[in-house]
Amino acid sequence: MKTLTRVMVSLASVAVLVSCAGTKSVPEDAQQDASAQGLEGYQPYPYTGEQFGGQGTGSAAGAGAGQVVGGPSAPVPSRTVYFDYDSAEVQPQYRPVVEAHARYLLSNPKTAVSLEGHTDSRGSREYNIALGERRSEAVRRLMSAYGVNLQQTRAVSYGEEMPVQPGCENDSCYQSDRRVEIIYF
């Protein structure tokens, strides 16, 4: 009976593989993240800011002309994804930033990025390293959902070790420290 079950499972697996032949496979964790981020049936399109009520393409998240720029020459705001307190969820206003860099990486398959996760100084060192890792992995999974080869990305966490303004302890500073920086190498 066990042998029959294994054969049936094997045949079902082969049938699934054959039916998927010729389609692009997206890693399961990327599919789950795409679903969690509301990207089911994702089709890339140029962002103009209108999709998010003008958010995500201005000075806080990208180039001022309404179009987010990807690549190593992008200005620092266009290479940074910010997060809410104690969260690793990529907010909708920062998806254009991630997509712009995903497009660049898709067009330049020999290029790679380091996704450097950061946190504010609240919480233990261990907790902040883990949170920074979750943030960088969230950006990495989202890039994968946009089609980027995971070998082009590396998730790193610095936790609270690299604040934007060392010694600053207020909400504005905390907000600027909760980020993932996209660094080309």
Protein backbone atom coordinates (compact mmCIF):
# COMPACT_ATOMS: atom_id res chain seq x y z
CA MET A 1 0.00 0.00 0.00
CA LYS A 2 2.86 2.40 0.82
CA THR A 3 4.46 1.67 -2.53
CA LEU A 4 1.20 2.39 -4.38
CA THR A 5 0.83 5.68 -2.50
CA ARG A 6 4.40 6.70 -3.39
CA VAL A 7 3.84 5.86 -7.05
CA MET A 8 0.61 7.88 -7.10
CA VAL A 9 2.31 10.85 -5.44
CA SER A 10 5.19 10.60 -7.92
CA LEU A 11 2.80 10.49 -10.87
CA ALA A 12 0.88 13.47 -9.51
CA SER A 13 4.15 15.39 -9.12
CA VAL A 14 5.15 14.60 -12.69
CA ALA A 15 1.74 15.71 -13.93
CA VAL A 16 2.08 19.02 -12.10
CA LEU A 17 5.59 19.55 -13.47
CA VAL A 18 4.51 18.77 -17.01
CA SER A 19 1.54 21.13 -16.77
CA CYS A 20 3.87 23.89 -15.55
CA ALA A 21 6.49 23.35 -18.25
CA GLY A 22 7.39 26.58 -19.94
CA THR A 23 6.14 28.80 -17.15
CA LYS A 24 8.40 30.84 -14.92
CA SER A 25 8.64 29.38 -11.44
CA VAL A 26 8.53 31.72 -8.46
CA PRO A 27 9.93 30.39 -5.18
CA GLU A 28 7.22 29.41 -2.73
CA ASP A 29 8.35 31.91 -0.09
CA ALA A 30 8.21 34.67 -2.71
CA GLN A 31 4.69 33.60 -3.70
CA GLN A 32 3.60 33.68 -0.07
CA ASP A 33 5.18 37.12 0.39
CA ALA A 34 3.58 38.37 -2.82
CA SER A 35 0.24 37.20 -1.50
CA ALA A 36 0.88 38.78 1.91
CA GLN A 37 1.86 42.04 0.20
CA GLY A 38 -1.29 42.02 -1.95
CA LEU A 39 0.57 41.20 -5.18
CA GLU A 40 -1.41 38.21 -6.42
CA GLY A 41 -1.30 38.17 -10.23
CA TYR A 42 1.43 40.80 -10.20
CA GLN A 43 1.97 42.59 -13.50
CA PRO A 44 4.72 45.27 -13.52
CA TYR A 45 3.75 48.78 -14.54
CA PRO A 46 5.39 52.18 -14.18
CA TYR A 47 4.57 53.94 -10.93
CA THR A 48 3.67 57.60 -11.13
CA GLY A 49 2.59 58.06 -7.54
CA GLU A 50 -1.10 58.23 -8.48
CA GLN A 51 -1.57 54.61 -7.40
CA PHE A 52 -0.69 55.57 -3.83
CA GLY A 53 -2.23 59.02 -3.67
CA GLY A 54 1.07 60.65 -4.60
CA GLN A 55 2.95 58.85 -1.84
CA GLY A 56 6.09 56.87 -2.39
CA THR A 57 7.57 58.95 -5.19
CA GLY A 58 8.33 62.25 -3.53
CA SER A 59 11.28 63.25 -1.39
CA ALA A 60 10.59 60.58 1.24
CA ALA A 61 10.74 57.64 -1.13
CA GLY A 62 12.16 58.57 -4.47
CA ALA A 63 12.96 61.01 -7.22
CA GLY A 64 11.01 64.24 -7.01
CA ALA A 65 9.70 64.08 -10.60
CA GLY A 66 7.14 61.39 -9.69
CA GLN A 67 9.19 58.43 -10.94
CA VAL A 68 11.27 56.28 -8.62
CA VAL A 69 14.73 55.53 -9.98
CA GLY A 70 16.52 52.22 -9.43
CA GLY A 71 20.16 51.30 -9.76
CA PRO A 72 23.43 52.23 -8.09
CA SER A 73 23.22 55.89 -9.17
CA ALA A 74 19.78 56.37 -7.56
CA PRO A 75 19.74 59.01 -4.83
CA VAL A 76 19.79 57.73 -1.25
CA PRO A 77 16.03 58.28 -0.67
CA SER A 78 15.37 56.06 -3.71
CA ARG A 79 17.53 53.33 -2.17
CA THR A 80 15.82 53.25 1.22
CA VAL A 81 12.69 51.48 2.45
CA TYR A 82 11.33 52.66 5.81
CA PHE A 83 9.31 50.61 8.30
CA ASP A 84 6.80 51.17 11.05
CA TYR A 85 7.78 50.58 14.67
CA ASP A 86 8.36 46.90 15.46
CA SER A 87 7.33 45.90 11.92
CA ALA A 88 8.94 44.10 8.98
CA GLU A 89 6.08 44.72 6.55
CA VAL A 90 6.95 46.68 3.40
CA GLN A 91 4.41 49.49 3.30
CA PRO A 92 2.63 50.26 -0.01
CA GLN A 93 4.35 53.62 -0.43
CA TYR A 94 7.75 51.87 -0.59
CA ARG A 95 6.82 49.20 -3.12
CA PRO A 96 7.78 51.55 -5.99
CA VAL A 97 11.28 51.79 -4.51
CA VAL A 98 11.62 48.01 -4.35
CA GLU A 99 10.15 47.57 -7.82
CA ALA A 100 12.47 50.18 -9.37
CA HIS A 101 15.50 48.30 -8.05
CA ALA A 102 13.98 44.97 -9.04
CA ARG A 103 13.61 46.29 -12.60
CA TYR A 104 17.23 47.42 -12.58
CA LEU A 105 18.41 44.03 -11.32
CA LEU A 106 16.31 42.22 -13.92
CA SER A 107 17.93 44.35 -16.64
CA ASN A 108 21.41 43.82 -15.16
CA PRO A 109 21.65 40.15 -14.15
CA LYS A 110 25.35 40.42 -13.22
CA THR A 111 24.61 43.13 -10.67
CA ALA A 112 23.91 42.33 -7.02
CA VAL A 113 22.66 44.19 -3.96
CA SER A 114 23.04 43.99 -0.24
CA LEU A 115 19.79 44.67 1.59
CA GLU A 116 20.93 46.16 4.88
CA GLY A 117 18.32 46.03 7.64
CA HIS A 118 18.39 48.60 10.46
CA THR A 119 16.34 49.35 13.56
CA ASP A 120 16.05 52.16 16.07
CA SER A 121 17.80 51.85 19.42
CA ARG A 122 14.80 50.62 21.40
CA GLY A 123 14.86 46.94 22.32
CA SER A 124 17.69 44.55 23.07
CA ARG A 125 20.61 44.12 20.71
CA GLU A 126 19.54 40.55 19.91
CA TYR A 127 15.96 41.58 19.20
CA ASN A 128 17.06 44.41 16.92
CA ILE A 129 19.44 42.17 14.94
CA ALA A 130 16.53 39.75 14.38
CA LEU A 131 14.14 42.57 13.42
CA GLY A 132 16.68 44.05 10.99
CA GLU A 133 17.05 40.60 9.43
CA ARG A 134 13.27 40.23 9.05
CA ARG A 135 13.13 43.64 7.37
CA SER A 136 15.92 42.88 4.91
CA GLU A 137 14.37 39.47 4.16
CA ALA A 138 10.97 41.12 3.53
CA VAL A 139 12.53 43.38 0.89
CA ARG A 140 14.42 40.42 -0.55
CA ARG A 141 11.24 38.33 -0.86
CA LEU A 142 9.40 41.23 -2.46
CA MET A 143 12.20 41.64 -5.02
CA SER A 144 11.94 37.92 -5.70
CA ALA A 145 8.18 38.30 -6.21
CA TYR A 146 9.00 40.94 -8.84
CA GLY A 147 11.18 38.32 -10.58
CA VAL A 148 14.68 39.03 -9.25
CA ASN A 149 16.99 36.05 -8.92
CA LEU A 150 17.66 35.53 -5.19
CA GLN A 151 21.36 35.07 -5.99
CA GLN A 152 21.45 38.78 -6.86
CA THR A 153 20.39 39.75 -3.34
CA ARG A 154 21.94 39.37 0.09
CA ALA A 155 20.05 40.15 3.29
CA VAL A 156 22.12 41.62 6.13
CA SER A 157 21.13 43.03 9.51
CA TYR A 158 22.94 45.73 11.45
CA GLY A 159 20.18 46.12 14.02
CA GLU A 160 20.66 49.37 15.94
CA GLU A 161 24.42 49.58 15.24
CA MET A 162 24.29 52.15 12.39
CA PRO A 163 21.84 54.94 13.25
CA VAL A 164 21.33 57.78 10.77
CA GLN A 165 22.07 60.35 13.51
CA PRO A 166 24.11 58.79 16.32
CA GLY A 167 22.99 59.89 19.79
CA CYS A 168 19.63 61.22 18.60
CA GLU A 169 16.82 59.78 20.74
CA ASN A 170 13.47 61.13 19.51
CA ASP A 171 10.62 59.94 17.29
CA SER A 172 12.02 61.57 14.16
CA CYS A 173 15.38 59.86 14.62
CA TYR A 174 13.76 56.55 15.46
CA GLN A 175 11.69 56.79 12.30
CA SER A 176 14.73 57.40 10.08
CA ASP A 177 16.58 54.46 11.69
CA ARG A 178 13.86 51.89 10.88
CA ARG A 179 14.98 51.10 7.36
CA VAL A 180 16.49 48.80 4.74
CA GLU A 181 19.14 50.34 2.54
CA ILE A 182 19.67 48.90 -0.94
CA ILE A 183 23.43 48.88 -1.55
CA TYR A 184 24.90 47.83 -4.91
CA PHE A 185 28.17 45.91 -5.05
